[in-house]
């Protein structure tokens, strides 16, 4: 059992086979979407291309709709966070944070 694109059952029928399907609802649908996003991320990691990225985007935008969010809204918040804290382009890796405040006081 796995979540598939909406037209997949129709494509299966057109090929002469019979799909057995149900429709996910509520929390179960959200769980299926999270699982599908992980699956699509794995495929993108194996083959980073526009097609695999589009699959991730399709699942992600569906998840946003399930949580009453829009891509425009999320993009706006991302812009604000990027302006305040930066993005991830530079590849900065934080290894540790040392608290030097006590030394400066003495």
C-alpha atoms as a PDB file:
ATOM      1  CA  UNK A   1       0.000   0.000   0.000  1.00  0.00           C
ATOM      2  CA  UNK A   2       1.332   3.416  -0.941  1.00  0.00           C
ATOM      3  CA  UNK A   3       0.108   6.853  -1.856  1.00  0.00           C
ATOM      4  CA  UNK A   4       0.119   7.452  -5.612  1.00  0.00           C
ATOM      5  CA  UNK A   5      -0.729  10.372  -7.866  1.00  0.00           C
ATOM      6  CA  UNK A   6      -4.442  10.923  -8.499  1.00  0.00           C
ATOM      7  CA  UNK A   7      -4.472   9.657 -12.095  1.00  0.00           C
ATOM      8  CA  UNK A   8      -2.499   6.431 -11.470  1.00  0.00           C
ATOM      9  CA  UNK A   9      -5.643   4.258 -11.041  1.00  0.00           C
ATOM     10  CA  UNK A  10      -6.953   5.560 -14.391  1.00  0.00           C
ATOM     11  CA  UNK A  11      -3.603   4.780 -16.043  1.00  0.00           C
ATOM     12  CA  UNK A  12      -3.673   1.255 -14.572  1.00  0.00           C
ATOM     13  CA  UNK A  13      -7.222   0.703 -15.877  1.00  0.00           C
ATOM     14  CA  UNK A  14      -6.190   1.962 -19.325  1.00  0.00           C
ATOM     15  CA  UNK A  15      -3.426  -0.662 -19.324  1.00  0.00           C
ATOM     16  CA  UNK A  16      -6.010  -3.433 -18.845  1.00  0.00           C
ATOM     17  CA  UNK A  17      -5.486  -4.071 -15.139  1.00  0.00           C
ATOM     18  CA  UNK A  18      -7.647  -3.387 -12.094  1.00  0.00           C
ATOM     19  CA  UNK A  19      -6.333  -1.237  -9.248  1.00  0.00           C
ATOM     20  CA  UNK A  20      -7.606  -1.763  -5.713  1.00  0.00           C
ATOM     21  CA  UNK A  21      -7.636   1.672  -4.078  1.00  0.00           C
ATOM     22  CA  UNK A  22      -8.968   3.673  -1.162  1.00  0.00           C
ATOM     23  CA  UNK A  23      -8.743   7.343  -0.266  1.00  0.00           C
ATOM     24  CA  UNK A  24      -6.708   8.542   2.690  1.00  0.00           C
ATOM     25  CA  UNK A  25      -8.421  10.946   5.067  1.00  0.00           C
ATOM     26  CA  UNK A  26      -7.394  13.069   8.037  1.00  0.00           C
ATOM     27  CA  UNK A  27      -4.391  11.975  10.078  1.00  0.00           C
ATOM     28  CA  UNK A  28      -3.975   8.823   7.995  1.00  0.00           C
ATOM     29  CA  UNK A  29      -3.696  10.916   4.828  1.00  0.00           C
ATOM     30  CA  UNK A  30      -1.139  13.197   6.509  1.00  0.00           C
ATOM     31  CA  UNK A  31       0.878  10.132   7.559  1.00  0.00           C
ATOM     32  CA  UNK A  32       0.778   8.828   3.975  1.00  0.00           C
ATOM     33  CA  UNK A  33       1.972  12.213   2.722  1.00  0.00           C
ATOM     34  CA  UNK A  34       4.861  12.315   5.217  1.00  0.00           C
ATOM     35  CA  UNK A  35       5.866   8.794   4.162  1.00  0.00           C
ATOM     36  CA  UNK A  36       5.628   9.758   0.493  1.00  0.00           C
ATOM     37  CA  UNK A  37       7.764  12.854   1.070  1.00  0.00           C
ATOM     38  CA  UNK A  38      10.478  10.691   2.654  1.00  0.00           C
ATOM     39  CA  UNK A  39      10.243   8.272  -0.297  1.00  0.00           C
ATOM     40  CA  UNK A  40      10.531  11.122  -2.808  1.00  0.00           C
ATOM     41  CA  UNK A  41      13.446  12.655  -0.887  1.00  0.00           C
ATOM     42  CA  UNK A  42      15.275   9.312  -1.121  1.00  0.00           C
ATOM     43  CA  UNK A  43      14.679   9.232  -4.868  1.00  0.00           C
ATOM     44  CA  UNK A  44      15.965  12.809  -5.174  1.00  0.00           C
ATOM     45  CA  UNK A  45      19.078  11.893  -3.164  1.00  0.00           C
ATOM     46  CA  UNK A  46      19.736   9.012  -5.580  1.00  0.00           C
ATOM     47  CA  UNK A  47      19.021  11.125  -8.674  1.00  0.00           C
ATOM     48  CA  UNK A  48      18.971  14.882  -8.044  1.00  0.00           C
ATOM     49  CA  UNK A  49      17.018  16.145 -11.047  1.00  0.00           C
ATOM     50  CA  UNK A  50      14.039  18.372 -11.829  1.00  0.00           C
ATOM     51  CA  UNK A  51      11.667  15.396 -12.140  1.00  0.00           C
ATOM     52  CA  UNK A  52      12.437  14.096  -8.648  1.00  0.00           C
ATOM     53  CA  UNK A  53      12.345  17.643  -7.226  1.00  0.00           C
ATOM     54  CA  UNK A  54       8.911  18.128  -8.827  1.00  0.00           C
ATOM     55  CA  UNK A  55       7.665  14.971  -7.101  1.00  0.00           C
ATOM     56  CA  UNK A  56       8.841  16.308  -3.731  1.00  0.00           C
ATOM     57  CA  UNK A  57       7.235  19.674  -4.443  1.00  0.00           C
ATOM     58  CA  UNK A  58       3.905  18.052  -5.347  1.00  0.00           C
ATOM     59  CA  UNK A  59       3.826  16.104  -2.078  1.00  0.00           C
ATOM     60  CA  UNK A  60       4.996  19.135  -0.081  1.00  0.00           C
ATOM     61  CA  UNK A  61       2.343  21.462  -1.513  1.00  0.00           C
ATOM     62  CA  UNK A  62      -0.329  18.849  -0.781  1.00  0.00           C
ATOM     63  CA  UNK A  63       0.916  18.652   2.822  1.00  0.00           C
ATOM     64  CA  UNK A  64       0.713  22.429   3.062  1.00  0.00           C
ATOM     65  CA  UNK A  65      -2.913  22.380   1.882  1.00  0.00           C
ATOM     66  CA  UNK A  66      -3.721  19.668   4.441  1.00  0.00           C
ATOM     67  CA  UNK A  67      -2.477  22.045   7.140  1.00  0.00           C
ATOM     68  CA  UNK A  68      -4.229  25.124   5.706  1.00  0.00           C
ATOM     69  CA  UNK A  69      -0.976  26.688   4.528  1.00  0.00           C
ATOM     70  CA  UNK A  70       0.019  27.950   1.101  1.00  0.00           C
ATOM     71  CA  UNK A  71       3.332  27.860  -0.730  1.00  0.00           C
ATOM     72  CA  UNK A  72       3.165  31.666  -1.037  1.00  0.00           C
ATOM     73  CA  UNK A  73       2.715  32.003   2.741  1.00  0.00           C
ATOM     74  CA  UNK A  74       5.560  29.585   3.504  1.00  0.00           C
ATOM     75  CA  UNK A  75       7.843  31.252   0.934  1.00  0.00           C
ATOM     76  CA  UNK A  76       7.220  34.605   2.620  1.00  0.00           C
ATOM     77  CA  UNK A  77       8.180  33.209   6.018  1.00  0.00           C
ATOM     78  CA  UNK A  78      11.273  31.605   4.444  1.00  0.00           C
ATOM     79  CA  UNK A  79      12.282  34.997   3.006  1.00  0.00           C
ATOM     80  CA  UNK A  80      11.997  36.605   6.445  1.00  0.00           C
ATOM     81  CA  UNK A  81      13.988  33.827   8.128  1.00  0.00           C
ATOM     82  CA  UNK A  82      16.655  34.020   5.406  1.00  0.00           C
ATOM     83  CA  UNK A  83      16.951  37.794   5.901  1.00  0.00           C
ATOM     84  CA  UNK A  84      17.213  37.426   9.698  1.00  0.00           C
ATOM     85  CA  UNK A  85      19.340  34.287  10.045  1.00  0.00           C
ATOM     86  CA  UNK A  86      20.621  33.485   6.572  1.00  0.00           C
ATOM     87  CA  UNK A  87      20.023  30.446   4.420  1.00  0.00           C
ATOM     88  CA  UNK A  88      22.020  27.260   3.970  1.00  0.00           C
ATOM     89  CA  UNK A  89      24.028  28.183   0.837  1.00  0.00           C
ATOM     90  CA  UNK A  90      27.367  28.575   2.630  1.00  0.00           C
ATOM     91  CA  UNK A  91      27.337  25.122   4.213  1.00  0.00           C
ATOM     92  CA  UNK A  92      28.077  26.380   7.731  1.00  0.00           C
ATOM     93  CA  UNK A  93      28.361  23.461  10.185  1.00  0.00           C
ATOM     94  CA  UNK A  94      28.094  24.287  13.905  1.00  0.00           C
ATOM     95  CA  UNK A  95      30.202  21.886  15.969  1.00  0.00           C
ATOM     96  CA  UNK A  96      29.891  23.379  19.414  1.00  0.00           C
ATOM     97  CA  UNK A  97      28.948  26.536  21.294  1.00  0.00           C
ATOM     98  CA  UNK A  98      31.197  27.527  24.192  1.00  0.00           C
ATOM     99  CA  UNK A  99      29.825  29.811  26.878  1.00  0.00           C
ATOM    100  CA  UNK A 100      32.495  32.473  27.417  1.00  0.00           C
ATOM    101  CA  UNK A 101      30.203  34.836  29.328  1.00  0.00           C
ATOM    102  CA  UNK A 102      31.476  33.700  32.766  1.00  0.00           C
ATOM    103  CA  UNK A 103      35.139  34.326  31.852  1.00  0.00           C
ATOM    104  CA  UNK A 104      34.456  37.877  30.703  1.00  0.00           C
ATOM    105  CA  UNK A 105      32.751  38.733  34.019  1.00  0.00           C
ATOM    106  CA  UNK A 106      35.754  37.868  36.207  1.00  0.00           C
END
